[in-house]
Amino acid sequence: MNKIISILLVIVGVIHLLPLSGVLGSEQLSSLYGLSFEENNLTILMRHRAILFGLFGVLFIYAAFNKTYQPFAFIAGVVSTASFIALSWATGNYNAAINNVVIADIVALICIVIAAILSNISKNIQHKY
């Protein structure tokens, strides 16, 4: 069961590392999100976002191999992915590139929820025996 949890967290980590290429500049951001990043302030914000997602990705991969960090990773992952999905659906009319991000976050959210459930089951089994 621990291997499945680790695999799920690595998948979530990789999903969160994908936007890290956006730190390289507006061209990479444009390819990720299908938007123009000619305005410097927006580019700064989105490059910073890329760094934060890189940190999240590292957290999930680290938590995959260190159980101590798994509860924090589960909470951070649910908040991050569910909030983006909710904001996207509430706003609507997003482009195909953002739709891909929504789909990736749905996949990540499913992985996180399954991993959290398996972790809880594993803890309950260990406490009984």
N, C-alpha and C. Protein backbone atom coordinates (compact mmCIF):
# COMPACT_ATOMS: atom_id res chain seq x y z
N MET A 1 0.82 -1.19 0.00
CA MET A 1 0.00 0.00 0.00
C MET A 1 0.87 1.26 0.00
N ASN A 2 2.01 1.21 0.73
CA ASN A 2 2.90 2.36 0.78
C ASN A 2 3.48 2.70 -0.59
N LYS A 3 3.73 1.65 -1.40
CA LYS A 3 4.25 1.90 -2.75
C LYS A 3 3.23 2.62 -3.61
N ILE A 4 1.97 2.24 -3.47
CA ILE A 4 0.91 2.90 -4.25
C ILE A 4 0.80 4.37 -3.83
N ILE A 5 0.86 4.63 -2.53
CA ILE A 5 0.81 6.01 -2.03
C ILE A 5 1.98 6.81 -2.61
N SER A 6 3.16 6.21 -2.58
CA SER A 6 4.34 6.89 -3.12
C SER A 6 4.20 7.18 -4.61
N ILE A 7 3.71 6.21 -5.35
CA ILE A 7 3.53 6.41 -6.80
C ILE A 7 2.53 7.54 -7.06
N LEU A 8 1.44 7.54 -6.32
CA LEU A 8 0.42 8.59 -6.49
C LEU A 8 1.00 9.97 -6.17
N LEU A 9 1.79 10.06 -5.11
CA LEU A 9 2.38 11.35 -4.75
C LEU A 9 3.43 11.80 -5.77
N VAL A 10 4.16 10.86 -6.34
CA VAL A 10 5.12 11.21 -7.39
C VAL A 10 4.38 11.75 -8.61
N ILE A 11 3.27 11.12 -8.96
CA ILE A 11 2.47 11.62 -10.09
C ILE A 11 2.02 13.05 -9.82
N VAL A 12 1.53 13.31 -8.62
CA VAL A 12 1.11 14.66 -8.25
C VAL A 12 2.30 15.62 -8.30
N GLY A 13 3.45 15.16 -7.84
CA GLY A 13 4.65 15.98 -7.88
C GLY A 13 5.05 16.35 -9.29
N VAL A 14 5.02 15.39 -10.19
CA VAL A 14 5.38 15.65 -11.59
C VAL A 14 4.39 16.64 -12.21
N ILE A 15 3.11 16.45 -11.94
CA ILE A 15 2.09 17.40 -12.46
C ILE A 15 2.41 18.82 -11.99
N HIS A 16 2.83 18.96 -10.74
CA HIS A 16 3.12 20.29 -10.21
C HIS A 16 4.48 20.81 -10.69
N LEU A 17 5.36 19.95 -11.12
CA LEU A 17 6.65 20.42 -11.65
C LEU A 17 6.55 20.90 -13.10
N LEU A 18 5.54 20.46 -13.83
CA LEU A 18 5.41 20.83 -15.24
C LEU A 18 5.40 22.33 -15.49
N PRO A 19 4.70 23.14 -14.69
CA PRO A 19 4.71 24.59 -14.94
C PRO A 19 6.03 25.27 -14.60
N LEU A 20 6.96 24.55 -13.99
CA LEU A 20 8.23 25.15 -13.59
C LEU A 20 8.99 25.76 -14.77
N SER A 21 8.76 25.23 -15.96
CA SER A 21 9.43 25.80 -17.14
C SER A 21 9.04 27.25 -17.36
N GLY A 22 7.90 27.67 -16.83
CA GLY A 22 7.44 29.05 -16.97
C GLY A 22 8.36 30.07 -16.34
N VAL A 23 9.22 29.62 -15.42
CA VAL A 23 10.16 30.54 -14.79
C VAL A 23 11.16 31.09 -15.81
N LEU A 24 11.32 30.42 -16.93
CA LEU A 24 12.29 30.84 -17.94
C LEU A 24 11.84 32.07 -18.73
N GLY A 25 10.56 32.39 -18.70
CA GLY A 25 10.13 33.60 -19.37
C GLY A 25 8.78 33.52 -20.03
N SER A 26 8.45 34.61 -20.73
CA SER A 26 7.11 34.77 -21.30
C SER A 26 6.82 33.77 -22.41
N GLU A 27 7.81 33.36 -23.19
CA GLU A 27 7.56 32.37 -24.25
C GLU A 27 7.09 31.04 -23.67
N GLN A 28 7.76 30.60 -22.62
CA GLN A 28 7.37 29.34 -21.98
C GLN A 28 6.00 29.47 -21.33
N LEU A 29 5.74 30.62 -20.71
CA LEU A 29 4.43 30.84 -20.11
C LEU A 29 3.33 30.82 -21.17
N SER A 30 3.60 31.42 -22.31
CA SER A 30 2.62 31.44 -23.40
C SER A 30 2.31 30.03 -23.88
N SER A 31 3.32 29.20 -23.97
CA SER A 31 3.08 27.82 -24.42
C SER A 31 2.33 27.02 -23.38
N LEU A 32 2.54 27.33 -22.10
CA LEU A 32 1.84 26.61 -21.03
C LEU A 32 0.36 27.00 -20.94
N TYR A 33 0.07 28.30 -21.09
CA TYR A 33 -1.26 28.79 -20.79
C TYR A 33 -2.02 29.35 -21.99
N GLY A 34 -1.38 29.39 -23.16
CA GLY A 34 -2.06 29.87 -24.35
C GLY A 34 -2.47 31.33 -24.28
N LEU A 35 -1.67 32.12 -23.57
CA LEU A 35 -1.95 33.54 -23.39
C LEU A 35 -0.71 34.35 -23.76
N SER A 36 -0.91 35.63 -23.99
CA SER A 36 0.20 36.54 -24.26
C SER A 36 0.72 37.08 -22.93
N PHE A 37 2.01 37.05 -22.77
CA PHE A 37 2.63 37.57 -21.54
C PHE A 37 3.58 38.72 -21.88
N GLU A 38 3.04 39.70 -22.58
CA GLU A 38 3.84 40.86 -22.97
C GLU A 38 3.93 41.88 -21.84
N GLU A 39 2.98 41.87 -20.93
CA GLU A 39 2.96 42.81 -19.81
C GLU A 39 3.90 42.29 -18.72
N ASN A 40 4.91 43.06 -18.36
CA ASN A 40 5.96 42.61 -17.43
C ASN A 40 5.43 42.22 -16.06
N ASN A 41 4.45 42.95 -15.55
CA ASN A 41 3.92 42.64 -14.21
C ASN A 41 3.27 41.27 -14.18
N LEU A 42 2.51 40.97 -15.20
CA LEU A 42 1.88 39.65 -15.29
C LEU A 42 2.93 38.56 -15.44
N THR A 43 3.96 38.83 -16.22
CA THR A 43 5.04 37.85 -16.40
C THR A 43 5.73 37.56 -15.07
N ILE A 44 5.99 38.62 -14.29
CA ILE A 44 6.62 38.43 -12.98
C ILE A 44 5.74 37.54 -12.10
N LEU A 45 4.45 37.84 -12.03
CA LEU A 45 3.52 37.06 -11.20
C LEU A 45 3.48 35.60 -11.63
N MET A 46 3.42 35.37 -12.93
CA MET A 46 3.32 33.99 -13.43
C MET A 46 4.63 33.24 -13.29
N ARG A 47 5.76 33.92 -13.42
CA ARG A 47 7.05 33.26 -13.20
C ARG A 47 7.18 32.87 -11.73
N HIS A 48 6.70 33.75 -10.84
CA HIS A 48 6.70 33.43 -9.42
C HIS A 48 5.79 32.23 -9.14
N ARG A 49 4.65 32.20 -9.80
CA ARG A 49 3.72 31.07 -9.68
C ARG A 49 4.42 29.77 -10.09
N ALA A 50 5.23 29.84 -11.15
CA ALA A 50 5.97 28.66 -11.61
C ALA A 50 6.92 28.17 -10.52
N ILE A 51 7.57 29.08 -9.84
CA ILE A 51 8.48 28.70 -8.76
C ILE A 51 7.71 28.04 -7.62
N LEU A 52 6.57 28.62 -7.27
CA LEU A 52 5.75 28.03 -6.19
C LEU A 52 5.29 26.62 -6.55
N PHE A 53 4.91 26.43 -7.81
CA PHE A 53 4.52 25.09 -8.22
C PHE A 53 5.69 24.12 -8.20
N GLY A 54 6.88 24.63 -8.50
CA GLY A 54 8.07 23.80 -8.37
C GLY A 54 8.28 23.35 -6.93
N LEU A 55 8.06 24.28 -6.00
CA LEU A 55 8.17 23.92 -4.58
C LEU A 55 7.14 22.87 -4.18
N PHE A 56 5.91 23.05 -4.66
CA PHE A 56 4.88 22.05 -4.40
C PHE A 56 5.28 20.70 -4.97
N GLY A 57 5.79 20.70 -6.18
CA GLY A 57 6.21 19.45 -6.81
C GLY A 57 7.27 18.73 -5.98
N VAL A 58 8.24 19.48 -5.50
CA VAL A 58 9.29 18.90 -4.65
C VAL A 58 8.69 18.36 -3.36
N LEU A 59 7.77 19.11 -2.77
CA LEU A 59 7.09 18.65 -1.55
C LEU A 59 6.41 17.31 -1.77
N PHE A 60 5.65 17.18 -2.86
CA PHE A 60 4.92 15.94 -3.10
C PHE A 60 5.87 14.77 -3.33
N ILE A 61 6.94 15.00 -4.06
CA ILE A 61 7.90 13.92 -4.31
C ILE A 61 8.63 13.56 -3.02
N TYR A 62 8.99 14.54 -2.22
CA TYR A 62 9.63 14.26 -0.94
C TYR A 62 8.68 13.49 -0.03
N ALA A 63 7.43 13.91 0.02
CA ALA A 63 6.44 13.23 0.86
C ALA A 63 6.19 11.81 0.40
N ALA A 64 6.41 11.54 -0.87
CA ALA A 64 6.22 10.18 -1.38
C ALA A 64 7.16 9.21 -0.68
N PHE A 65 8.29 9.71 -0.21
CA PHE A 65 9.30 8.84 0.41
C PHE A 65 9.53 9.15 1.89
N ASN A 66 8.76 10.09 2.42
CA ASN A 66 8.88 10.46 3.83
C ASN A 66 7.47 10.65 4.39
N LYS A 67 6.99 9.63 5.09
CA LYS A 67 5.61 9.63 5.59
C LYS A 67 5.29 10.81 6.50
N THR A 68 6.29 11.35 7.18
CA THR A 68 6.06 12.46 8.09
C THR A 68 5.42 13.65 7.38
N TYR A 69 5.78 13.85 6.12
CA TYR A 69 5.29 15.01 5.37
C TYR A 69 4.01 14.73 4.58
N GLN A 70 3.55 13.51 4.60
CA GLN A 70 2.37 13.17 3.79
C GLN A 70 1.11 13.92 4.21
N PRO A 71 0.79 14.03 5.49
CA PRO A 71 -0.44 14.78 5.83
C PRO A 71 -0.40 16.22 5.33
N PHE A 72 0.73 16.88 5.47
CA PHE A 72 0.87 18.25 4.96
C PHE A 72 0.72 18.28 3.45
N ALA A 73 1.32 17.31 2.76
CA ALA A 73 1.22 17.25 1.30
C ALA A 73 -0.23 17.00 0.87
N PHE A 74 -0.94 16.15 1.58
CA PHE A 74 -2.34 15.89 1.24
C PHE A 74 -3.17 17.18 1.36
N ILE A 75 -2.99 17.90 2.45
CA ILE A 75 -3.76 19.13 2.67
C ILE A 75 -3.39 20.18 1.61
N ALA A 76 -2.10 20.39 1.42
CA ALA A 76 -1.65 21.39 0.44
C ALA A 76 -2.13 21.04 -0.96
N GLY A 77 -2.09 19.76 -1.29
CA GLY A 77 -2.51 19.32 -2.61
C GLY A 77 -4.00 19.50 -2.85
N VAL A 78 -4.80 19.15 -1.86
CA VAL A 78 -6.25 19.32 -2.00
C VAL A 78 -6.59 20.80 -2.13
N VAL A 79 -6.01 21.64 -1.28
CA VAL A 79 -6.31 23.07 -1.33
C VAL A 79 -5.88 23.65 -2.68
N SER A 80 -4.68 23.32 -3.13
CA SER A 80 -4.17 23.86 -4.39
C SER A 80 -5.00 23.43 -5.59
N THR A 81 -5.21 22.14 -5.72
CA THR A 81 -5.90 21.64 -6.92
C THR A 81 -7.39 21.96 -6.88
N ALA A 82 -8.03 21.76 -5.75
CA ALA A 82 -9.47 22.00 -5.67
C ALA A 82 -9.79 23.48 -5.86
N SER A 83 -8.94 24.35 -5.34
CA SER A 83 -9.21 25.79 -5.50
C SER A 83 -9.06 26.21 -6.96
N PHE A 84 -8.06 25.68 -7.66
CA PHE A 84 -7.91 26.04 -9.07
C PHE A 84 -9.08 25.52 -9.90
N ILE A 85 -9.49 24.29 -9.61
CA ILE A 85 -10.64 23.72 -10.33
C ILE A 85 -11.88 24.56 -10.06
N ALA A 86 -12.13 24.88 -8.81
CA ALA A 86 -13.32 25.67 -8.44
C ALA A 86 -13.29 27.06 -9.08
N LEU A 87 -12.15 27.72 -9.02
CA LEU A 87 -12.03 29.05 -9.64
C LEU A 87 -12.26 28.99 -11.15
N SER A 88 -11.71 27.98 -11.77
CA SER A 88 -11.86 27.83 -13.23
C SER A 88 -13.31 27.59 -13.60
N TRP A 89 -13.96 26.68 -12.90
CA TRP A 89 -15.36 26.37 -13.21
C TRP A 89 -16.27 27.57 -12.90
N ALA A 90 -15.97 28.28 -11.81
CA ALA A 90 -16.80 29.43 -11.45
C ALA A 90 -16.64 30.58 -12.45
N THR A 91 -15.45 30.73 -12.99
CA THR A 91 -15.18 31.81 -13.95
C THR A 91 -15.64 31.43 -15.35
N GLY A 92 -15.32 30.21 -15.77
CA GLY A 92 -15.72 29.72 -17.09
C GLY A 92 -15.01 30.40 -18.24
N ASN A 93 -15.37 30.02 -19.44
CA ASN A 93 -14.83 30.60 -20.68
C ASN A 93 -13.31 30.64 -20.74
N TYR A 94 -12.65 29.60 -20.28
CA TYR A 94 -11.20 29.54 -20.35
C TYR A 94 -10.77 28.83 -21.63
N ASN A 95 -9.53 29.06 -22.01
CA ASN A 95 -9.03 28.51 -23.27
C ASN A 95 -8.63 27.03 -23.13
N ALA A 96 -8.21 26.44 -24.22
CA ALA A 96 -7.85 25.01 -24.24
C ALA A 96 -6.65 24.71 -23.35
N ALA A 97 -5.69 25.62 -23.30
CA ALA A 97 -4.52 25.40 -22.46
C ALA A 97 -4.90 25.39 -20.98
N ILE A 98 -5.76 26.30 -20.58
CA ILE A 98 -6.24 26.30 -19.18
C ILE A 98 -7.07 25.06 -18.92
N ASN A 99 -7.84 24.63 -19.89
CA ASN A 99 -8.61 23.39 -19.74
C ASN A 99 -7.67 22.22 -19.46
N ASN A 100 -6.52 22.20 -20.12
CA ASN A 100 -5.54 21.15 -19.86
C ASN A 100 -5.03 21.20 -18.42
N VAL A 101 -4.87 22.41 -17.90
CA VAL A 101 -4.45 22.57 -16.50
C VAL A 101 -5.55 22.07 -15.58
N VAL A 102 -6.80 22.38 -15.89
CA VAL A 102 -7.93 21.90 -15.09
C VAL A 102 -7.94 20.37 -15.08
N ILE A 103 -7.76 19.76 -16.24
CA ILE A 103 -7.74 18.29 -16.32
C ILE A 103 -6.59 17.72 -15.50
N ALA A 104 -5.41 18.35 -15.61
CA ALA A 104 -4.25 17.89 -14.84
C ALA A 104 -4.53 18.01 -13.34
N ASP A 105 -5.18 19.09 -12.94
CA ASP A 105 -5.50 19.25 -11.52
C ASP A 105 -6.56 18.25 -11.05
N ILE A 106 -7.49 17.90 -11.91
CA ILE A 106 -8.46 16.86 -11.56
C ILE A 106 -7.75 15.53 -11.34
N VAL A 107 -6.83 15.20 -12.23
CA VAL A 107 -6.05 13.97 -12.09
C VAL A 107 -5.25 14.02 -10.79
N ALA A 108 -4.59 15.16 -10.53
CA ALA A 108 -3.81 15.31 -9.30
C ALA A 108 -4.68 15.19 -8.06
N LEU A 109 -5.86 15.81 -8.09
CA LEU A 109 -6.77 15.75 -6.95
C LEU A 109 -7.22 14.32 -6.69
N ILE A 110 -7.54 13.59 -7.73
CA ILE A 110 -7.93 12.18 -7.57
C ILE A 110 -6.80 11.38 -6.95
N CYS A 111 -5.58 11.60 -7.44
CA CYS A 111 -4.41 10.90 -6.88
C CYS A 111 -4.21 11.22 -5.41
N ILE A 112 -4.35 12.50 -5.06
CA ILE A 112 -4.17 12.92 -3.67
C ILE A 112 -5.23 12.29 -2.77
N VAL A 113 -6.46 12.33 -3.20
CA VAL A 113 -7.55 11.77 -2.39
C VAL A 113 -7.35 10.27 -2.20
N ILE A 114 -7.01 9.56 -3.26
CA ILE A 114 -6.78 8.11 -3.15
C ILE A 114 -5.61 7.84 -2.21
N ALA A 115 -4.52 8.61 -2.37
CA ALA A 115 -3.34 8.42 -1.52
C ALA A 115 -3.69 8.68 -0.06
N ALA A 116 -4.47 9.72 0.21
CA ALA A 116 -4.86 10.04 1.59
C ALA A 116 -5.73 8.94 2.18
N ILE A 117 -6.65 8.43 1.39
CA ILE A 117 -7.51 7.33 1.86
C ILE A 117 -6.67 6.09 2.16
N LEU A 118 -5.77 5.74 1.25
CA LEU A 118 -4.91 4.57 1.46
C LEU A 118 -4.02 4.77 2.68
N SER A 119 -3.53 5.98 2.89
CA SER A 119 -2.69 6.27 4.05
C SER A 119 -3.49 6.07 5.33
N ASN A 120 -4.73 6.52 5.34
CA ASN A 120 -5.59 6.36 6.51
C ASN A 120 -5.90 4.89 6.76
N ILE A 121 -6.19 4.16 5.71
CA ILE A 121 -6.45 2.72 5.84
C ILE A 121 -5.22 2.02 6.40
N SER A 122 -4.05 2.37 5.86
CA SER A 122 -2.80 1.77 6.30
C SER A 122 -2.56 2.04 7.79
N LYS A 123 -2.81 3.26 8.23
CA LYS A 123 -2.63 3.61 9.65
C LYS A 123 -3.59 2.82 10.52
N ASN A 124 -4.84 2.68 10.08
CA ASN A 124 -5.83 1.93 10.86
C ASN A 124 -5.47 0.47 10.96
N ILE A 125 -4.94 -0.10 9.90
CA ILE A 125 -4.51 -1.51 9.92
C ILE A 125 -3.35 -1.68 10.89
N GLN A 126 -2.40 -0.75 10.86
CA GLN A 126 -1.23 -0.84 11.74
C GLN A 126 -1.61 -0.71 13.20
N HIS A 127 -2.62 0.12 13.50
CA HIS A 127 -3.04 0.30 14.88
C HIS A 127 -3.78 -0.92 15.43
N LYS A 128 -4.42 -1.67 14.55
CA LYS A 128 -5.17 -2.84 15.00
C LYS A 128 -4.25 -4.02 15.30
N TYR A 129 -3.08 -4.04 14.67
CA TYR A 129 -2.19 -5.20 14.84
C TYR A 129 -0.93 -4.85 15.48
